C-alpha atoms as a PDB file:
ATOM      1  CA  MET A   1     -21.523 -37.365  25.925  1.00  0.00           C
ATOM      2  CA  PRO A   2     -24.125 -34.617  25.288  1.00  0.00           C
ATOM      3  CA  THR A   3     -24.823 -33.688  21.662  1.00  0.00           C
ATOM      4  CA  THR A   4     -25.658 -30.097  20.705  1.00  0.00           C
ATOM      5  CA  LEU A   5     -27.738 -29.930  17.531  1.00  0.00           C
ATOM      6  CA  SER A   6     -27.019 -27.263  14.927  1.00  0.00           C
ATOM      7  CA  LEU A   7     -29.574 -24.498  14.397  1.00  0.00           C
ATOM      8  CA  PHE A   8     -30.753 -26.257  11.232  1.00  0.00           C
ATOM      9  CA  ASP A   9     -31.203 -29.627  12.961  1.00  0.00           C
ATOM     10  CA  SER A  10     -32.867 -27.973  15.959  1.00  0.00           C
ATOM     11  CA  LEU A  11     -35.451 -26.253  13.743  1.00  0.00           C
ATOM     12  CA  VAL A  12     -36.098 -29.499  11.847  1.00  0.00           C
ATOM     13  CA  SER A  13     -36.678 -31.250  15.191  1.00  0.00           C
ATOM     14  CA  LEU A  14     -39.256 -28.623  16.161  1.00  0.00           C
ATOM     15  CA  GLN A  15     -41.059 -29.112  12.855  1.00  0.00           C
ATOM     16  CA  LYS A  16     -41.297 -32.865  13.459  1.00  0.00           C
ATOM     17  CA  PHE A  17     -43.369 -32.130  16.557  1.00  0.00           C
ATOM     18  CA  GLY A  18     -45.585 -29.609  14.770  1.00  0.00           C
ATOM     19  CA  ILE A  19     -43.993 -26.483  16.232  1.00  0.00           C
ATOM     20  CA  PRO A  20     -44.123 -23.786  13.518  1.00  0.00           C
ATOM     21  CA  THR A  21     -40.823 -22.290  12.389  1.00  0.00           C
ATOM     22  CA  ALA A  22     -40.037 -19.280  10.227  1.00  0.00           C
ATOM     23  CA  PRO A  23     -39.351 -20.544   6.654  1.00  0.00           C
ATOM     24  CA  PHE A  24     -35.659 -21.406   6.302  1.00  0.00           C
ATOM     25  CA  GLU A  25     -33.126 -22.995   3.977  1.00  0.00           C
ATOM     26  CA  MET A  26     -29.575 -24.197   4.618  1.00  0.00           C
ATOM     27  CA  VAL A  27     -26.988 -22.900   2.136  1.00  0.00           C
ATOM     28  CA  SER A  28     -23.344 -23.980   1.951  1.00  0.00           C
ATOM     29  CA  LYS A  29     -22.471 -22.300  -1.372  1.00  0.00           C
ATOM     30  CA  THR A  30     -23.437 -18.988  -2.928  1.00  0.00           C
ATOM     31  CA  ASP A  31     -25.034 -20.640  -5.976  1.00  0.00           C
ATOM     32  CA  ARG A  32     -27.875 -21.874  -3.710  1.00  0.00           C
ATOM     33  CA  LEU A  33     -28.717 -18.430  -2.373  1.00  0.00           C
ATOM     34  CA  GLU A  34     -31.152 -17.494  -5.137  1.00  0.00           C
ATOM     35  CA  THR A  35     -33.268 -20.619  -4.566  1.00  0.00           C
ATOM     36  CA  ALA A  36     -33.151 -20.100  -0.799  1.00  0.00           C
ATOM     37  CA  THR A  37     -34.262 -16.466  -0.940  1.00  0.00           C
ATOM     38  CA  GLN A  38     -37.094 -17.384  -3.310  1.00  0.00           C
ATOM     39  CA  LYS A  39     -38.379 -19.681  -0.549  1.00  0.00           C
ATOM     40  CA  THR A  40     -37.951 -17.210   2.324  1.00  0.00           C
ATOM     41  CA  GLY A  41     -38.731 -13.999   0.466  1.00  0.00           C
ATOM     42  CA  PHE A  42     -37.365 -10.582   1.419  1.00  0.00           C
ATOM     43  CA  PRO A  43     -36.554  -9.238   3.909  1.00  0.00           C
ATOM     44  CA  CYS A  44     -34.675 -12.252   5.183  1.00  0.00           C
ATOM     45  CA  VAL A  45     -31.926 -13.069   7.674  1.00  0.00           C
ATOM     46  CA  LEU A  46     -28.634 -14.924   7.197  1.00  0.00           C
ATOM     47  CA  LYS A  47     -27.198 -16.799  10.192  1.00  0.00           C
ATOM     48  CA  ALA A  48     -23.789 -18.455  10.180  1.00  0.00           C
ATOM     49  CA  ILE A  49     -23.821 -22.153  11.022  1.00  0.00           C
ATOM     50  CA  SER A  50     -20.734 -22.901  13.107  1.00  0.00           C
ATOM     51  CA  PRO A  51     -20.151 -25.036  16.200  1.00  0.00           C
ATOM     52  CA  LEU A  52     -18.037 -22.132  17.473  1.00  0.00           C
ATOM     53  CA  ALA A  53     -20.783 -19.489  17.127  1.00  0.00           C
ATOM     54  CA  ILE A  54     -23.127 -20.138  20.061  1.00  0.00           C
ATOM     55  CA  HIS A  55     -24.115 -16.534  20.825  1.00  0.00           C
ATOM     56  CA  LYS A  56     -24.625 -15.414  17.247  1.00  0.00           C
ATOM     57  CA  THR A  57     -25.501 -11.784  17.948  1.00  0.00           C
ATOM     58  CA  GLU A  58     -22.429 -11.206  20.112  1.00  0.00           C
ATOM     59  CA  GLN A  59     -20.183 -12.913  17.554  1.00  0.00           C
ATOM     60  CA  LYS A  60     -21.664 -10.944  14.634  1.00  0.00           C
ATOM     61  CA  ALA A  61     -22.800 -14.188  13.016  1.00  0.00           C
ATOM     62  CA  VAL A  62     -26.192 -12.777  11.957  1.00  0.00           C
ATOM     63  CA  ARG A  63     -27.098 -10.424   9.106  1.00  0.00           C
ATOM     64  CA  LEU A  64     -30.551  -8.815   9.297  1.00  0.00           C
ATOM     65  CA  ASN A  65     -32.742  -6.911   6.832  1.00  0.00           C
ATOM     66  CA  ILE A  66     -31.422  -8.642   3.719  1.00  0.00           C
ATOM     67  CA  SER A  67     -33.412  -6.970   0.948  1.00  0.00           C
ATOM     68  CA  SER A  68     -32.039  -8.436  -2.303  1.00  0.00           C
ATOM     69  CA  LEU A  69     -30.021 -11.304  -3.772  1.00  0.00           C
ATOM     70  CA  GLU A  70     -27.011  -8.999  -4.137  1.00  0.00           C
ATOM     71  CA  HIS A  71     -27.296  -8.071  -0.457  1.00  0.00           C
ATOM     72  CA  ALA A  72     -27.560 -11.784   0.455  1.00  0.00           C
ATOM     73  CA  LEU A  73     -24.390 -12.606  -1.516  1.00  0.00           C
ATOM     74  CA  HIS A  74     -22.483  -9.842   0.259  1.00  0.00           C
ATOM     75  CA  ALA A  75     -23.730 -11.031   3.673  1.00  0.00           C
ATOM     76  CA  PHE A  76     -22.835 -14.664   2.905  1.00  0.00           C
ATOM     77  CA  ASN A  77     -19.287 -13.685   1.944  1.00  0.00           C
ATOM     78  CA  GLU A  78     -18.930 -11.763   5.224  1.00  0.00           C
ATOM     79  CA  LEU A  79     -20.222 -14.693   7.288  1.00  0.00           C
ATOM     80  CA  GLN A  80     -17.678 -17.042   5.704  1.00  0.00           C
ATOM     81  CA  ARG A  81     -15.062 -15.350   7.905  1.00  0.00           C
ATOM     82  CA  ILE A  82     -16.724 -16.722  11.059  1.00  0.00           C
ATOM     83  CA  PRO A  83     -14.499 -19.426  12.653  1.00  0.00           C
ATOM     84  CA  GLY A  84     -15.803 -22.936  11.942  1.00  0.00           C
ATOM     85  CA  PHE A  85     -18.185 -21.694   9.208  1.00  0.00           C
ATOM     86  CA  GLU A  86     -20.171 -24.596   7.703  1.00  0.00           C
ATOM     87  CA  GLY A  87     -22.805 -22.623   5.829  1.00  0.00           C
ATOM     88  CA  ALA A  88     -25.593 -20.134   6.405  1.00  0.00           C
ATOM     89  CA  LEU A  89     -29.214 -20.507   7.386  1.00  0.00           C
ATOM     90  CA  VAL A  90     -31.369 -18.240   5.226  1.00  0.00           C
ATOM     91  CA  GLN A  91     -34.590 -17.431   7.072  1.00  0.00           C
ATOM     92  CA  SER A  92     -37.642 -15.214   6.627  1.00  0.00           C
ATOM     93  CA  GLN A  93     -37.349 -12.128   8.804  1.00  0.00           C
ATOM     94  CA  ILE A  94     -40.344 -11.951  11.130  1.00  0.00           C
ATOM     95  CA  GLU A  95     -41.206  -8.935  13.264  1.00  0.00           C
ATOM     96  CA  GLY A  96     -43.273  -9.153  16.429  1.00  0.00           C
ATOM     97  CA  THR A  97     -43.168  -9.844  20.154  1.00  0.00           C
ATOM     98  CA  GLU A  98     -40.227 -11.952  21.323  1.00  0.00           C
ATOM     99  CA  LEU A  99     -41.109 -14.920  23.551  1.00  0.00           C
ATOM    100  CA  LEU A 100     -39.264 -18.041  24.661  1.00  0.00           C
ATOM    101  CA  ILE A 101     -39.974 -21.695  25.332  1.00  0.00           C
ATOM    102  CA  GLY A 102     -37.316 -23.845  26.918  1.00  0.00           C
ATOM    103  CA  SER A 103     -36.407 -26.831  29.021  1.00  0.00           C
ATOM    104  CA  LYS A 104     -33.728 -27.573  31.581  1.00  0.00           C
ATOM    105  CA  ASN A 105     -33.087 -30.958  33.140  1.00  0.00           C
ATOM    106  CA  ASP A 106     -33.905 -30.783  36.853  1.00  0.00           C
ATOM    107  CA  ILE A 107     -32.018 -33.341  38.979  1.00  0.00           C
ATOM    108  CA  GLN A 108     -35.122 -34.151  41.030  1.00  0.00           C
ATOM    109  CA  PHE A 109     -37.980 -33.770  38.531  1.00  0.00           C
ATOM    110  CA  GLY A 110     -36.330 -34.348  35.143  1.00  0.00           C
ATOM    111  CA  PRO A 111     -37.002 -32.123  32.103  1.00  0.00           C
ATOM    112  CA  THR A 112     -38.976 -28.944  32.809  1.00  0.00           C
ATOM    113  CA  LEU A 113     -41.059 -26.734  30.504  1.00  0.00           C
ATOM    114  CA  VAL A 114     -40.276 -23.020  30.672  1.00  0.00           C
ATOM    115  CA  PHE A 115     -42.230 -20.153  29.078  1.00  0.00           C
ATOM    116  CA  GLY A 116     -41.427 -16.468  29.235  1.00  0.00           C
ATOM    117  CA  LEU A 117     -40.557 -13.233  27.515  1.00  0.00           C
ATOM    118  CA  GLY A 118     -37.686 -13.735  25.104  1.00  0.00           C
ATOM    119  CA  GLY A 119     -35.125 -11.872  23.069  1.00  0.00           C
ATOM    120  CA  VAL A 120     -32.087 -10.094  24.437  1.00  0.00           C
ATOM    121  CA  LEU A 121     -33.886  -9.009  27.630  1.00  0.00           C
ATOM    122  CA  VAL A 122     -34.574 -12.551  28.850  1.00  0.00           C
ATOM    123  CA  GLU A 123     -31.657 -12.590  31.296  1.00  0.00           C
ATOM    124  CA  LEU A 124     -32.508  -9.111  32.565  1.00  0.00           C
ATOM    125  CA  LEU A 125     -36.267  -9.561  33.108  1.00  0.00           C
ATOM    126  CA  LYS A 126     -36.279 -13.259  34.095  1.00  0.00           C
ATOM    127  CA  ASP A 127     -40.064 -13.221  33.585  1.00  0.00           C
ATOM    128  CA  ILE A 128     -40.816 -16.929  33.247  1.00  0.00           C
ATOM    129  CA  SER A 129     -43.251 -19.662  34.251  1.00  0.00           C
ATOM    130  CA  ILE A 130     -42.258 -23.322  34.807  1.00  0.00           C
ATOM    131  CA  ARG A 131     -44.095 -26.667  34.734  1.00  0.00           C
ATOM    132  CA  ILE A 132     -43.169 -30.355  34.644  1.00  0.00           C
ATOM    133  CA  PRO A 133     -44.409 -32.083  31.444  1.00  0.00           C
ATOM    134  CA  PRO A 134     -46.848 -33.424  30.504  1.00  0.00           C
ATOM    135  CA  ILE A 135     -49.140 -30.408  30.785  1.00  0.00           C
ATOM    136  CA  THR A 136     -52.804 -29.773  29.968  1.00  0.00           C
ATOM    137  CA  ALA A 137     -54.295 -26.847  28.045  1.00  0.00           C
ATOM    138  CA  LYS A 138     -55.308 -25.385  31.420  1.00  0.00           C
ATOM    139  CA  ASP A 139     -51.690 -25.622  32.627  1.00  0.00           C
ATOM    140  CA  ALA A 140     -50.454 -23.929  29.447  1.00  0.00           C
ATOM    141  CA  LEU A 141     -52.946 -21.072  29.821  1.00  0.00           C
ATOM    142  CA  GLN A 142     -51.887 -20.584  33.442  1.00  0.00           C
ATOM    143  CA  MET A 143     -48.244 -20.419  32.329  1.00  0.00           C
ATOM    144  CA  VAL A 144     -49.077 -17.649  29.874  1.00  0.00           C
ATOM    145  CA  ARG A 145     -51.047 -15.683  32.474  1.00  0.00           C
ATOM    146  CA  GLU A 146     -48.360 -16.029  35.154  1.00  0.00           C
ATOM    147  CA  ILE A 147     -46.062 -13.743  33.159  1.00  0.00           C
ATOM    148  CA  LYS A 148     -45.658 -10.528  35.168  1.00  0.00           C
ATOM    149  CA  HIS A 149     -45.273  -8.194  32.186  1.00  0.00           C
ATOM    150  CA  GLN A 150     -48.711  -9.002  30.724  1.00  0.00           C
ATOM    151  CA  GLN A 151     -48.719  -5.693  28.845  1.00  0.00           C
ATOM    152  CA  VAL A 152     -46.102  -7.171  26.504  1.00  0.00           C
ATOM    153  CA  LEU A 153     -48.455 -10.033  25.597  1.00  0.00           C
ATOM    154  CA  GLN A 154     -51.413  -7.666  25.203  1.00  0.00           C
ATOM    155  CA  GLY A 155     -49.669  -5.497  22.611  1.00  0.00           C
ATOM    156  CA  PHE A 156     -47.003  -3.085  23.842  1.00  0.00           C
ATOM    157  CA  ARG A 157     -45.686   0.010  22.047  1.00  0.00           C
ATOM    158  CA  GLY A 158     -47.343  -0.780  18.765  1.00  0.00           C
ATOM    159  CA  LYS A 159     -46.592  -4.512  18.834  1.00  0.00           C
ATOM    160  CA  PRO A 160     -49.551  -6.825  18.050  1.00  0.00           C
ATOM    161  CA  LYS A 161     -51.405  -8.704  20.776  1.00  0.00           C
ATOM    162  CA  VAL A 162     -50.128 -12.275  21.179  1.00  0.00           C
ATOM    163  CA  ASN A 163     -52.667 -14.941  20.168  1.00  0.00           C
ATOM    164  CA  GLU A 164     -53.202 -16.713  23.489  1.00  0.00           C
ATOM    165  CA  GLU A 165     -54.963 -19.709  21.945  1.00  0.00           C
ATOM    166  CA  LYS A 166     -52.128 -20.300  19.473  1.00  0.00           C
ATOM    167  CA  LEU A 167     -49.555 -19.919  22.238  1.00  0.00           C
ATOM    168  CA  VAL A 168     -51.311 -22.554  24.367  1.00  0.00           C
ATOM    169  CA  GLU A 169     -51.268 -24.896  21.361  1.00  0.00           C
ATOM    170  CA  ILE A 170     -47.502 -24.443  20.883  1.00  0.00           C
ATOM    171  CA  LEU A 171     -46.809 -24.962  24.599  1.00  0.00           C
ATOM    172  CA  LEU A 172     -48.691 -28.275  24.430  1.00  0.00           C
ATOM    173  CA  LEU A 173     -46.611 -29.331  21.402  1.00  0.00           C
ATOM    174  CA  ALA A 174     -43.406 -28.352  23.213  1.00  0.00           C
ATOM    175  CA  SER A 175     -44.517 -30.355  26.250  1.00  0.00           C
ATOM    176  CA  LYS A 176     -44.992 -33.445  24.070  1.00  0.00           C
ATOM    177  CA  MET A 177     -41.595 -32.921  22.461  1.00  0.00           C
ATOM    178  CA  ILE A 178     -39.859 -32.608  25.841  1.00  0.00           C
ATOM    179  CA  GLU A 179     -41.678 -35.650  27.216  1.00  0.00           C
ATOM    180  CA  LYS A 180     -40.722 -37.722  24.168  1.00  0.00           C
ATOM    181  CA  THR A 181     -37.095 -36.628  23.625  1.00  0.00           C
ATOM    182  CA  LYS A 182     -36.098 -35.681  27.211  1.00  0.00           C
ATOM    183  CA  PRO A 183     -33.497 -33.113  26.112  1.00  0.00           C
ATOM    184  CA  LEU A 184     -30.796 -31.959  28.493  1.00  0.00           C
ATOM    185  CA  GLU A 185     -31.548 -28.487  27.206  1.00  0.00           C
ATOM    186  CA  LEU A 186     -34.071 -26.844  24.879  1.00  0.00           C
ATOM    187  CA  ASP A 187     -34.002 -23.143  24.072  1.00  0.00           C
ATOM    188  CA  ILE A 188     -36.447 -21.627  21.578  1.00  0.00           C
ATOM    189  CA  ASN A 189     -35.553 -17.952  21.734  1.00  0.00           C
ATOM    190  CA  PRO A 190     -36.927 -15.970  20.202  1.00  0.00           C
ATOM    191  CA  LEU A 191     -40.346 -17.377  19.459  1.00  0.00           C
ATOM    192  CA  MET A 192     -41.814 -14.530  17.380  1.00  0.00           C
ATOM    193  CA  ALA A 193     -45.496 -13.637  17.706  1.00  0.00           C
ATOM    194  CA  ASN A 194     -47.505 -11.240  15.544  1.00  0.00           C
ATOM    195  CA  GLU A 195     -51.049 -10.902  14.179  1.00  0.00           C
ATOM    196  CA  LYS A 196     -50.401 -13.611  11.558  1.00  0.00           C
ATOM    197  CA  GLY A 197     -49.095 -16.335  13.879  1.00  0.00           C
ATOM    198  CA  ILE A 198     -46.261 -17.567  16.093  1.00  0.00           C
ATOM    199  CA  TRP A 199     -42.969 -19.012  14.823  1.00  0.00           C
ATOM    200  CA  ALA A 200     -39.739 -20.357  16.263  1.00  0.00           C
ATOM    201  CA  VAL A 201     -36.884 -18.273  14.862  1.00  0.00           C
ATOM    202  CA  ASP A 202     -33.899 -19.565  16.833  1.00  0.00           C
ATOM    203  CA  ALA A 203     -33.503 -22.862  18.651  1.00  0.00           C
ATOM    204  CA  ARG A 204     -30.840 -24.801  20.506  1.00  0.00           C
ATOM    205  CA  ILE A 205     -31.268 -28.432  21.547  1.00  0.00           C
ATOM    206  CA  VAL A 206     -28.839 -30.486  23.630  1.00  0.00           C
ATOM    207  CA  LEU A 207     -29.495 -34.242  23.737  1.00  0.00           C
ATOM    208  CA  LYS A 208     -28.062 -36.931  26.003  1.00  0.00           C
END
């Protein structure tokens, strides 16, 4: 029976393989919010942890632009109304270019590695590149350069240029993770990129 990891467990799994994540803290009670926001800083994001909230944006299970502890408390109390609420993930809010890294289990070839433009437009643009792990640095660079909307990676509408070298490094780490764990599904979306670095912000992992 497949097992879907929570957002918290998915992010921890990425960290184990060296994939950078936006600073985060799991909170199940309001008295832990102050400590959590001290770690993440402001602005931060609160995301409801619930097995019933898969598409968090559509289900209003995310609160953005949290600017103070008072604001965080109010957001936490709102999120408690989400069905199946188990707690909230408090996370640093990172602005930048939205990318994605993923994996689907191909019947013939096994787990694949997917890279593309991320965020809410992923299903509309479908601008992706696919390889079968393991990959080399040359493979990873080719994946990045196969993206059709290269202007997005080069800095579009005031967004910073994506660090190609750092992106190649993260693709290699993701390849190793997929090769080692062989997930049924991996979805890192968005992977946020700006002039300071690249971080996984949301992740979903389904294991056998």
